[in-house]
Structure formats: structure tokens, C-alpha cells
Amino acid sequence: VRLQTQPKPQPGQPLLYSGTFDCFRKTLVGEGVRGLYRGMAAPIIGVTPMFAVCFFGFGLGKRLQQRKPDDVLTYPQLFAAGMLSGVFTTVIMAPGERIKCLLQIQAATGETKYSGSLDCAKQLYREAGIRGVYKGTVLTLMRDVPASGMYFMTYEWLKNILTPEGKSVSDLSVPRILFAGGLAGIFNWAVAIPPDVLKSRFQTAPPGKYPNGFRDVLRELIREEGVASLYKGFTAVMIRAFPANAACFLGFEVAMKFLNWIAPGL
């Protein structure tokens, strides 16, 4: 995120961070280990309900397309179900992302306007009401709806490929679940990075800078930094995507097996 939102340098000045590992090194030297987790409180508070809503939305999307509970959905139908989950999660994601991005760019520029996540939320609400807290919601939808469709469709596709002949998908081993979940995360972010860059820039911009929303952000980025700027932070995101999403899907599968064991009729 810091790579995506780093301020544009003055003429003749270099970028604050030249790349992922330069950002990591400078953050560690300048702020210590805590600097690597700047802005973490907002997403941590929202991550449990967000993933609960995400998987609920996917399950609902599947049920809405099934005539019978045991109907096998096509991959386009799984993609559509995943997109519905992206709509659901945006309600929780948008304010958390806004606060996280503001705190992270604040640390990068050295300015101290917000003392933490709660203070940031209070100031945003005081300055612009609920619209200030939810600034960037449309761009969050543009990121999460197609990316979530890709996320769940890829995971289901990989599970089917990795299931040995004659075995059930529910019998997949832990390494196979981890592999499928990790790759699903990579496919998810391959779709999500361009709108995420636009969202991060828009959410951290001063009020009124982009009156036409993401169109102004897109024009400015391409004009001043080229098309490649839409993939800023690609390396950092991909380093995170595999292990984070492998763990996410493993947690989901283990939780579902546990719940089915203690409450099979639920």
C-alpha cells in the first residue's frame, strides 16, 4: 500500500521508495517492526466479520443459482456467486481500507494528523460525515466484485483438479488445500491490483482533488506515470497473497468440518 500511495516527488527528486524491498528496509530502519504493521487495527477489527460475510455471500450466491441443494454449478456460476460475496464485503472493507491507507501514507510522509485508527475514523466523520469514512466505496466495489469472483471460482476449479480420481473434494489433504487457496489468492490479486491502486490513491487524496472520481485518478496516473503504475506494489501484494489466502481457505475448511461434526444438522 505504501508503494501505491507514496506521494509524487518534486521535480528532480527520486521516489520515496524505489521498490518493495527498499520500502521494507526504510520502514524497518525508520520505524522498527511496528512500522510494518502501521494501520493494522482497522483491518484487524473488520477481518473476522468481513470473511464471515464473504463466505456467507458466496454460499448465498451458490444457493440462489441451485434448483436443488446438490446441483453442481458451472464455473461461470461460481464466478457469479463469488462476485456477490464481493458486494457483501465492501460494506465492511471500504472504511477499514480508507483508514489503513491514510495511516500508512501518514507514516511514509512523516506528517502526524491521526494518532491511530479510532482517531482517524473520528476525524473523517467530523470533517465529512459518513461519506468521508466511506470515500472510495465505488472503487472498492470495482476491486472486490470481479476479484472475489475470480477468487472463489479459481479455488473451486483447483480443488476439482487436485482431487484424486475416485475421491471426494471434501477429502483433500492439507497441502492441497493450502496450494489451492494460495493460488486462488494470486489469481484474485492479479485482477484486483489495478482498481486497488486507483482506490488507494483516491482514498488518500486531499478533498476535492479528484472531482470525477476514479476517472481523474486513472487519467493522472497514466499521464504522469504510465500504465505500469496500475501495478504498483505488485511484488509486495504477491508475496503476501499466497500464504495469506492459503491460511484463509485452510481455516475455512477446518472450521466447516468442525461445525459439521458438532452440529451436523445445522
Protein backbone atom coordinates (compact mmCIF):
# COMPACT_ATOMS: atom_id res chain seq x y z
CA VAL A 1 0.00 0.00 0.00
CA ARG A 2 2.77 2.44 0.73
CA LEU A 3 4.21 1.84 -2.72
CA GLN A 4 0.80 2.52 -4.23
CA THR A 5 0.12 5.67 -2.24
CA GLN A 6 3.59 7.18 -1.92
CA PRO A 7 3.46 10.91 -2.70
CA LYS A 8 4.62 12.13 -6.09
CA PRO A 9 8.18 13.52 -5.75
CA GLN A 10 9.09 17.09 -6.57
CA PRO A 11 10.79 17.67 -9.94
CA GLY A 12 14.32 16.26 -9.80
CA GLN A 13 13.65 14.31 -6.61
CA PRO A 14 13.59 10.47 -6.50
CA LEU A 15 10.61 8.42 -5.39
CA LEU A 16 10.38 7.82 -1.65
CA TYR A 17 10.59 4.05 -2.26
CA SER A 18 12.26 2.52 -5.30
CA GLY A 19 10.56 -0.85 -4.82
CA THR A 20 9.15 -3.40 -2.41
CA PHE A 21 12.38 -4.31 -0.63
CA ASP A 22 13.52 -0.67 -0.43
CA CYS A 23 10.18 0.16 1.20
CA PHE A 24 10.60 -2.73 3.63
CA ARG A 25 14.16 -1.68 4.55
CA LYS A 26 13.35 2.02 5.03
CA THR A 27 10.24 1.26 7.07
CA LEU A 28 12.15 -1.15 9.30
CA VAL A 29 15.05 1.28 9.80
CA GLY A 30 12.86 4.34 10.31
CA GLU A 31 10.02 2.91 12.39
CA GLY A 32 11.06 -0.53 13.55
CA VAL A 33 8.97 -3.68 13.29
CA ARG A 34 5.82 -1.78 14.38
CA GLY A 35 6.09 0.31 11.23
CA LEU A 36 5.43 -2.80 9.14
CA TYR A 37 2.03 -3.10 10.82
CA ARG A 38 1.01 0.55 10.55
CA GLY A 39 -2.75 0.88 10.16
CA MET A 40 -3.36 -2.73 11.20
CA ALA A 41 -6.05 -2.07 13.82
CA ALA A 42 -8.79 -1.13 11.33
CA PRO A 43 -8.49 -4.24 9.13
CA ILE A 44 -7.98 -6.49 12.17
CA ILE A 45 -11.26 -5.27 13.68
CA GLY A 46 -13.05 -5.89 10.40
CA VAL A 47 -11.33 -9.06 9.19
CA THR A 48 -13.41 -11.61 11.13
CA PRO A 49 -16.84 -10.25 10.18
CA MET A 50 -15.52 -9.48 6.68
CA PHE A 51 -14.52 -13.08 5.95
CA ALA A 52 -17.68 -14.38 7.62
CA VAL A 53 -19.75 -12.15 5.32
CA CYS A 54 -17.52 -13.04 2.36
CA PHE A 55 -18.06 -16.80 2.66
CA PHE A 56 -21.73 -16.29 3.54
CA GLY A 57 -22.17 -14.22 0.37
CA PHE A 58 -20.50 -16.94 -1.70
CA GLY A 59 -22.73 -19.61 -0.18
CA LEU A 60 -25.82 -17.48 -0.77
CA GLY A 61 -24.75 -16.84 -4.36
CA LYS A 62 -24.46 -20.59 -4.93
CA ARG A 63 -27.83 -21.33 -3.35
CA LEU A 64 -29.59 -18.68 -5.42
CA GLN A 65 -28.44 -20.46 -8.58
CA GLN A 66 -29.22 -24.00 -7.47
CA ARG A 67 -32.61 -25.59 -8.11
CA LYS A 68 -31.69 -28.45 -5.77
CA PRO A 69 -29.13 -28.40 -2.91
CA ASP A 70 -26.91 -30.97 -4.61
CA ASP A 71 -26.81 -29.23 -8.04
CA VAL A 72 -23.24 -28.84 -9.33
CA LEU A 73 -22.62 -25.28 -10.51
CA THR A 74 -20.65 -24.37 -13.62
CA TYR A 75 -17.54 -22.22 -13.30
CA PRO A 76 -19.33 -19.07 -14.60
CA GLN A 77 -21.98 -19.66 -11.93
CA LEU A 78 -19.27 -19.98 -9.27
CA PHE A 79 -17.76 -16.73 -10.57
CA ALA A 80 -21.16 -15.02 -10.22
CA ALA A 81 -21.54 -16.36 -6.66
CA GLY A 82 -18.08 -15.03 -5.82
CA MET A 83 -18.99 -11.61 -7.19
CA LEU A 84 -21.96 -11.45 -4.82
CA SER A 85 -19.61 -12.04 -1.90
CA GLY A 86 -17.57 -9.03 -3.06
CA VAL A 87 -20.68 -6.83 -2.84
CA PHE A 88 -21.32 -8.01 0.70
CA THR A 89 -17.78 -7.43 1.97
CA THR A 90 -17.48 -3.88 0.59
CA VAL A 91 -19.69 -2.54 3.39
CA ILE A 92 -17.06 -3.64 5.91
CA MET A 93 -13.96 -3.25 3.74
CA ALA A 94 -14.37 0.32 2.49
CA PRO A 95 -13.98 2.23 5.79
CA GLY A 96 -11.23 -0.08 7.06
CA GLU A 97 -9.26 0.34 3.83
CA ARG A 98 -9.70 4.12 3.95
CA ILE A 99 -8.34 4.33 7.50
CA LYS A 100 -5.50 1.89 6.83
CA CYS A 101 -4.30 3.75 3.74
CA LEU A 102 -4.40 7.15 5.48
CA LEU A 103 -2.37 5.87 8.44
CA GLN A 104 0.19 4.20 6.20
CA ILE A 105 0.77 7.18 3.94
CA GLN A 106 0.93 9.41 7.01
CA ALA A 107 3.80 7.30 8.32
CA ALA A 108 5.52 7.46 4.93
CA THR A 109 5.35 11.27 4.67
CA GLY A 110 6.27 11.92 8.29
CA GLU A 111 3.16 14.04 8.98
CA THR A 112 1.14 13.20 12.07
CA LYS A 113 -2.51 14.06 11.71
CA TYR A 114 -4.04 10.88 13.16
CA SER A 115 -2.93 9.21 16.40
CA GLY A 116 -4.48 5.87 15.46
CA SER A 117 -7.37 4.10 13.73
CA LEU A 118 -10.09 5.37 16.07
CA ASP A 119 -8.82 8.95 15.94
CA CYS A 120 -8.68 8.72 12.14
CA ALA A 121 -12.29 7.49 11.96
CA LYS A 122 -13.45 10.27 14.31
CA GLN A 123 -11.71 12.99 12.32
CA LEU A 124 -13.02 11.67 9.00
CA TYR A 125 -16.57 11.60 10.35
CA ARG A 126 -16.22 15.07 11.87
CA GLU A 127 -14.88 16.53 8.63
CA ALA A 128 -17.21 14.92 6.07
CA GLY A 129 -19.70 12.70 7.86
CA ILE A 130 -20.28 9.09 6.88
CA ARG A 131 -19.35 9.90 3.27
CA GLY A 132 -15.83 10.77 4.44
CA VAL A 133 -15.47 7.40 6.15
CA TYR A 134 -16.80 5.54 3.10
CA LYS A 135 -14.83 7.51 0.50
CA GLY A 136 -13.69 5.09 -2.21
CA THR A 137 -16.61 2.67 -1.86
CA VAL A 138 -17.28 2.53 -5.61
CA LEU A 139 -13.63 1.74 -6.28
CA THR A 140 -13.69 -0.90 -3.54
CA LEU A 141 -16.65 -2.48 -5.34
CA MET A 142 -14.77 -2.30 -8.65
CA ARG A 143 -11.89 -4.13 -7.00
CA ASP A 144 -13.69 -6.71 -4.87
CA VAL A 145 -16.59 -7.80 -7.08
CA PRO A 146 -14.59 -9.21 -10.05
CA ALA A 147 -11.66 -10.21 -7.83
CA SER A 148 -13.91 -12.20 -5.48
CA GLY A 149 -15.49 -13.92 -8.47
CA MET A 150 -12.04 -14.96 -9.66
CA TYR A 151 -11.04 -15.91 -6.10
CA PHE A 152 -13.78 -18.44 -5.45
CA MET A 153 -14.02 -19.78 -9.00
CA THR A 154 -10.27 -20.46 -9.06
CA TYR A 155 -10.36 -22.14 -5.66
CA GLU A 156 -13.20 -24.49 -6.66
CA TRP A 157 -11.52 -25.22 -10.00
CA LEU A 158 -8.20 -26.08 -8.35
CA LYS A 159 -9.90 -28.25 -5.74
CA ASN A 160 -11.53 -30.28 -8.52
CA ILE A 161 -8.20 -30.63 -10.38
CA LEU A 162 -6.33 -31.67 -7.22
CA THR A 163 -8.90 -34.24 -6.09
CA PRO A 164 -7.63 -37.77 -6.85
CA GLU A 165 -9.84 -39.91 -9.05
CA GLY A 166 -12.46 -41.75 -7.05
CA LYS A 167 -12.07 -39.40 -4.06
CA SER A 168 -14.34 -36.61 -2.79
CA VAL A 169 -13.35 -32.93 -2.79
CA SER A 170 -14.04 -32.90 0.94
CA ASP A 171 -11.20 -35.41 1.43
CA LEU A 172 -8.45 -33.11 0.10
CA SER A 173 -5.25 -33.13 2.14
CA VAL A 174 -4.00 -30.02 3.95
CA PRO A 175 -1.12 -29.36 1.47
CA ARG A 176 -3.56 -29.48 -1.46
CA ILE A 177 -5.97 -27.10 0.27
CA LEU A 178 -3.08 -24.75 1.03
CA PHE A 179 -1.90 -24.87 -2.59
CA ALA A 180 -5.40 -24.26 -4.00
CA GLY A 181 -6.06 -21.41 -1.56
CA GLY A 182 -2.70 -19.77 -2.19
CA LEU A 183 -3.08 -19.85 -5.97
CA ALA A 184 -6.65 -18.56 -5.67
CA GLY A 185 -5.23 -15.58 -3.76
CA ILE A 186 -2.73 -14.90 -6.54
CA PHE A 187 -5.47 -15.02 -9.20
CA ASN A 188 -7.61 -12.78 -7.01
CA TRP A 189 -4.95 -10.09 -6.73
CA ALA A 190 -3.96 -10.32 -10.37
CA VAL A 191 -7.46 -8.97 -11.06
CA ALA A 192 -7.63 -6.66 -8.03
CA ILE A 193 -4.35 -4.72 -8.21
CA PRO A 194 -5.26 -2.02 -10.82
CA PRO A 195 -8.52 -0.96 -9.11
CA ASP A 196 -6.76 -1.27 -5.74
CA VAL A 197 -4.09 1.21 -6.85
CA LEU A 198 -6.80 3.62 -8.02
CA LYS A 199 -8.73 3.12 -4.77
CA SER A 200 -5.69 3.73 -2.58
CA ARG A 201 -4.77 6.92 -4.46
CA PHE A 202 -8.34 8.20 -4.33
CA GLN A 203 -8.82 7.40 -0.64
CA THR A 204 -5.63 9.19 0.40
CA ALA A 205 -6.06 12.25 -1.85
CA PRO A 206 -7.00 15.65 -0.33
CA PRO A 207 -10.72 16.52 -0.55
CA GLY A 208 -11.71 17.79 -3.98
CA LYS A 209 -8.57 16.66 -5.78
CA TYR A 210 -10.42 14.16 -7.96
CA PRO A 211 -13.92 15.60 -8.58
CA ASN A 212 -14.75 12.94 -11.18
CA GLY A 213 -13.62 10.04 -9.00
CA PHE A 214 -11.61 7.15 -10.37
CA ARG A 215 -11.60 8.59 -13.92
CA ASP A 216 -9.49 11.53 -12.75
CA VAL A 217 -7.18 9.22 -10.80
CA LEU A 218 -6.77 6.93 -13.82
CA ARG A 219 -6.03 9.81 -16.19
CA GLU A 220 -3.47 11.32 -13.83
CA LEU A 221 -1.69 8.03 -13.18
CA ILE A 222 -1.42 7.06 -16.84
CA ARG A 223 -0.42 10.58 -17.92
CA GLU A 224 2.28 11.05 -15.28
CA GLU A 225 3.50 7.52 -14.51
CA GLY A 226 2.35 5.29 -17.37
CA VAL A 227 0.21 2.16 -17.50
CA ALA A 228 2.72 0.25 -15.35
CA SER A 229 1.74 2.45 -12.39
CA LEU A 230 -1.53 0.49 -12.17
CA TYR A 231 0.54 -2.44 -10.91
CA LYS A 232 2.47 -0.55 -8.23
CA GLY A 233 3.09 -2.79 -5.26
CA PHE A 234 2.68 -5.95 -7.36
CA THR A 235 5.65 -7.72 -5.76
CA ALA A 236 4.56 -6.92 -2.20
CA VAL A 237 0.98 -8.00 -2.87
CA MET A 238 2.01 -11.29 -4.46
CA ILE A 239 4.44 -12.10 -1.64
CA ARG A 240 1.50 -11.75 0.75
CA ALA A 241 -1.22 -13.29 -1.44
CA PHE A 242 -0.16 -16.95 -1.41
CA PRO A 243 0.43 -17.59 2.31
CA ALA A 244 -2.41 -15.32 3.49
CA ASN A 245 -5.05 -16.92 1.29
CA ALA A 246 -3.71 -20.44 1.76
CA ALA A 247 -4.22 -19.92 5.51
CA CYS A 248 -7.65 -18.36 4.93
CA PHE A 249 -9.06 -21.29 2.97
CA LEU A 250 -7.48 -23.84 5.30
CA GLY A 251 -9.12 -22.08 8.24
CA PHE A 252 -12.45 -22.11 6.44
CA GLU A 253 -12.28 -25.81 5.56
CA VAL A 254 -11.22 -26.79 9.09
CA ALA A 255 -13.96 -24.63 10.61
CA MET A 256 -16.61 -26.15 8.34
CA LYS A 257 -15.54 -29.71 9.20
CA PHE A 258 -15.59 -28.86 12.90
CA LEU A 259 -19.06 -27.26 12.69
CA ASN A 260 -20.40 -30.19 10.68
CA TRP A 261 -19.02 -32.52 13.34
CA ILE A 262 -20.53 -30.76 16.37
CA ALA A 263 -23.79 -29.70 14.63
CA PRO A 264 -24.34 -31.91 11.58
CA GLY A 265 -27.94 -30.78 11.05
CA LEU A 266 -27.13 -27.05 11.26
